[in-house]
Amino acid sequence: MPAENSKKPFFHLTCADEASLRKFAPLFNIQFRQVDESTYGLFELDREHGPEVMLPAALAHRRLFAEISSRAVHWVHFHRGASCRDSLLGQGEIGLKRAAQLYARNRETARSMVM
């Protein structure tokens, strides 16, 4: 069966959502910076030699949202039938801080097992 081609527009992030994502990025080991008016750079601090990804401004915060969501997925309940945006950002500051702490603890545990 072919994949369904959805005509739904991308979800919308408010300025407050974008500010929150930028604030929490370092807690999820992500460096996110504005390079110029139309470009952002995203660098995953987890990877020692990974390149910085340059993103157009129109997509940059959605990519940051996806990166944070993928790291928080074990500690945030993404509700079926609710938007991912509401599930993640609906955690509020306390919930996102807690997810970031658990992510960091899990990352450190995984590193200590490798060494």
C-alpha atoms as a PDB file:
ATOM      1  CA  MET A   1       0.000   0.000   0.000  1.00  0.00           C
ATOM      2  CA  PRO A   2       1.522   3.386  -0.950  1.00  0.00           C
ATOM      3  CA  ALA A   3       2.184   5.952   1.735  1.00  0.00           C
ATOM      4  CA  GLU A   4      -0.522   8.533   2.179  1.00  0.00           C
ATOM      5  CA  ASN A   5       0.534  11.996   1.066  1.00  0.00           C
ATOM      6  CA  SER A   6      -0.747  14.304   3.765  1.00  0.00           C
ATOM      7  CA  LYS A   7      -1.571  17.868   2.802  1.00  0.00           C
ATOM      8  CA  LYS A   8      -1.562  18.987   6.440  1.00  0.00           C
ATOM      9  CA  PRO A   9       0.633  22.007   7.094  1.00  0.00           C
ATOM     10  CA  PHE A  10       3.536  21.785   9.510  1.00  0.00           C
ATOM     11  CA  PHE A  11       2.642  22.444  13.117  1.00  0.00           C
ATOM     12  CA  HIS A  12       3.177  25.981  14.294  1.00  0.00           C
ATOM     13  CA  LEU A  13       5.600  26.970  17.041  1.00  0.00           C
ATOM     14  CA  THR A  14       4.991  30.274  18.755  1.00  0.00           C
ATOM     15  CA  CYS A  15       7.801  32.667  19.645  1.00  0.00           C
ATOM     16  CA  ALA A  16       7.439  31.488  23.252  1.00  0.00           C
ATOM     17  CA  ASP A  17       7.748  27.850  22.102  1.00  0.00           C
ATOM     18  CA  GLU A  18      10.899  28.677  20.161  1.00  0.00           C
ATOM     19  CA  ALA A  19      12.402  30.504  23.141  1.00  0.00           C
ATOM     20  CA  SER A  20      11.638  27.538  25.381  1.00  0.00           C
ATOM     21  CA  LEU A  21      13.273  25.119  22.938  1.00  0.00           C
ATOM     22  CA  ARG A  22      16.391  27.295  22.740  1.00  0.00           C
ATOM     23  CA  LYS A  23      16.506  27.479  26.536  1.00  0.00           C
ATOM     24  CA  PHE A  24      16.321  23.700  26.991  1.00  0.00           C
ATOM     25  CA  ALA A  25      18.563  22.700  24.080  1.00  0.00           C
ATOM     26  CA  PRO A  26      21.803  22.712  26.140  1.00  0.00           C
ATOM     27  CA  LEU A  27      20.173  20.504  28.789  1.00  0.00           C
ATOM     28  CA  PHE A  28      19.601  17.913  26.063  1.00  0.00           C
ATOM     29  CA  ASN A  29      23.206  18.253  24.825  1.00  0.00           C
ATOM     30  CA  ILE A  30      22.326  20.346  21.795  1.00  0.00           C
ATOM     31  CA  GLN A  31      24.071  23.534  20.745  1.00  0.00           C
ATOM     32  CA  PHE A  32      21.690  25.718  18.740  1.00  0.00           C
ATOM     33  CA  ARG A  33      22.753  29.100  17.442  1.00  0.00           C
ATOM     34  CA  GLN A  34      21.676  31.703  14.950  1.00  0.00           C
ATOM     35  CA  VAL A  35      24.358  32.044  12.284  1.00  0.00           C
ATOM     36  CA  ASP A  36      22.723  34.884  10.385  1.00  0.00           C
ATOM     37  CA  GLU A  37      19.259  36.201   9.637  1.00  0.00           C
ATOM     38  CA  SER A  38      18.276  33.177   7.550  1.00  0.00           C
ATOM     39  CA  THR A  39      20.390  30.336   9.005  1.00  0.00           C
ATOM     40  CA  TYR A  40      20.729  28.451  12.279  1.00  0.00           C
ATOM     41  CA  GLY A  41      23.357  25.941  13.284  1.00  0.00           C
ATOM     42  CA  LEU A  42      22.590  22.787  15.259  1.00  0.00           C
ATOM     43  CA  PHE A  43      25.382  20.731  16.790  1.00  0.00           C
ATOM     44  CA  GLU A  44      24.847  17.574  18.809  1.00  0.00           C
ATOM     45  CA  LEU A  45      27.255  17.675  21.738  1.00  0.00           C
ATOM     46  CA  ASP A  46      26.779  13.913  22.239  1.00  0.00           C
ATOM     47  CA  ARG A  47      28.780  13.246  19.095  1.00  0.00           C
ATOM     48  CA  GLU A  48      32.485  13.944  19.356  1.00  0.00           C
ATOM     49  CA  HIS A  49      33.134  14.540  15.671  1.00  0.00           C
ATOM     50  CA  GLY A  50      29.687  15.229  14.258  1.00  0.00           C
ATOM     51  CA  PRO A  51      29.316  18.193  11.944  1.00  0.00           C
ATOM     52  CA  GLU A  52      27.233  21.242  12.723  1.00  0.00           C
ATOM     53  CA  VAL A  53      24.072  21.099  10.636  1.00  0.00           C
ATOM     54  CA  MET A  54      23.104  24.374   8.984  1.00  0.00           C
ATOM     55  CA  LEU A  55      19.350  24.871   8.767  1.00  0.00           C
ATOM     56  CA  PRO A  56      17.163  27.475   7.100  1.00  0.00           C
ATOM     57  CA  ALA A  57      15.359  29.659   9.625  1.00  0.00           C
ATOM     58  CA  ALA A  58      11.966  28.372   8.448  1.00  0.00           C
ATOM     59  CA  LEU A  59      12.818  24.813   9.556  1.00  0.00           C
ATOM     60  CA  ALA A  60      15.389  25.283  12.305  1.00  0.00           C
ATOM     61  CA  HIS A  61      13.115  25.350  15.343  1.00  0.00           C
ATOM     62  CA  ARG A  62      11.062  22.394  14.113  1.00  0.00           C
ATOM     63  CA  ARG A  63      14.310  20.422  13.767  1.00  0.00           C
ATOM     64  CA  LEU A  64      15.318  21.507  17.271  1.00  0.00           C
ATOM     65  CA  PHE A  65      11.887  20.392  18.484  1.00  0.00           C
ATOM     66  CA  ALA A  66      12.395  16.984  16.842  1.00  0.00           C
ATOM     67  CA  GLU A  67      15.870  16.575  18.365  1.00  0.00           C
ATOM     68  CA  ILE A  68      14.654  17.418  21.873  1.00  0.00           C
ATOM     69  CA  SER A  69      11.605  15.185  21.457  1.00  0.00           C
ATOM     70  CA  SER A  70      13.753  12.234  20.400  1.00  0.00           C
ATOM     71  CA  ARG A  71      15.889  12.661  23.523  1.00  0.00           C
ATOM     72  CA  ALA A  72      12.904  13.144  25.874  1.00  0.00           C
ATOM     73  CA  VAL A  73      10.741  10.366  24.458  1.00  0.00           C
ATOM     74  CA  HIS A  74      11.439   7.946  27.327  1.00  0.00           C
ATOM     75  CA  TRP A  75      10.266  10.453  29.958  1.00  0.00           C
ATOM     76  CA  VAL A  76       7.486  12.372  28.225  1.00  0.00           C
ATOM     77  CA  HIS A  77       4.149  10.781  27.456  1.00  0.00           C
ATOM     78  CA  PHE A  78       3.255  11.712  23.897  1.00  0.00           C
ATOM     79  CA  HIS A  79      -0.515  11.448  24.005  1.00  0.00           C
ATOM     80  CA  ARG A  80      -2.257   9.662  21.195  1.00  0.00           C
ATOM     81  CA  GLY A  81      -4.601  12.102  19.519  1.00  0.00           C
ATOM     82  CA  ALA A  82      -2.751  15.152  20.853  1.00  0.00           C
ATOM     83  CA  SER A  83      -0.084  17.063  19.014  1.00  0.00           C
ATOM     84  CA  CYS A  84       3.536  16.249  19.798  1.00  0.00           C
ATOM     85  CA  ARG A  85       4.054  19.953  20.408  1.00  0.00           C
ATOM     86  CA  ASP A  86       1.406  19.980  23.137  1.00  0.00           C
ATOM     87  CA  SER A  87       2.720  16.761  24.676  1.00  0.00           C
ATOM     88  CA  LEU A  88       6.305  18.005  24.928  1.00  0.00           C
ATOM     89  CA  LEU A  89       5.874  21.713  25.604  1.00  0.00           C
ATOM     90  CA  GLY A  90       2.823  21.062  27.773  1.00  0.00           C
ATOM     91  CA  GLN A  91       5.233  19.605  30.342  1.00  0.00           C
ATOM     92  CA  GLY A  92       6.118  23.125  31.350  1.00  0.00           C
ATOM     93  CA  GLU A  93       9.484  24.198  32.665  1.00  0.00           C
ATOM     94  CA  ILE A  94       9.522  21.767  35.589  1.00  0.00           C
ATOM     95  CA  GLY A  95       8.593  18.777  33.430  1.00  0.00           C
ATOM     96  CA  LEU A  96      11.154  19.620  30.749  1.00  0.00           C
ATOM     97  CA  LYS A  97      13.883  20.117  33.360  1.00  0.00           C
ATOM     98  CA  ARG A  98      13.054  16.731  34.870  1.00  0.00           C
ATOM     99  CA  ALA A  99      13.121  15.030  31.452  1.00  0.00           C
ATOM    100  CA  ALA A 100      16.490  16.684  30.762  1.00  0.00           C
ATOM    101  CA  GLN A 101      17.860  15.471  34.113  1.00  0.00           C
ATOM    102  CA  LEU A 102      16.729  11.924  33.394  1.00  0.00           C
ATOM    103  CA  TYR A 103      18.180  12.125  29.890  1.00  0.00           C
ATOM    104  CA  ALA A 104      21.544  13.278  31.307  1.00  0.00           C
ATOM    105  CA  ARG A 105      21.533  10.522  33.942  1.00  0.00           C
ATOM    106  CA  ASN A 106      20.750   7.915  31.300  1.00  0.00           C
ATOM    107  CA  ARG A 107      23.500   9.271  29.018  1.00  0.00           C
ATOM    108  CA  GLU A 108      26.078   9.167  31.838  1.00  0.00           C
ATOM    109  CA  THR A 109      25.072   5.622  32.772  1.00  0.00           C
ATOM    110  CA  ALA A 110      25.464   4.508  29.157  1.00  0.00           C
ATOM    111  CA  ARG A 111      28.907   6.159  28.953  1.00  0.00           C
ATOM    112  CA  SER A 112      30.119   4.511  32.152  1.00  0.00           C
ATOM    113  CA  MET A 113      29.036   1.100  30.846  1.00  0.00           C
ATOM    114  CA  VAL A 114      31.089   1.570  27.663  1.00  0.00           C
ATOM    115  CA  MET A 115      34.263   2.528  29.510  1.00  0.00           C
END
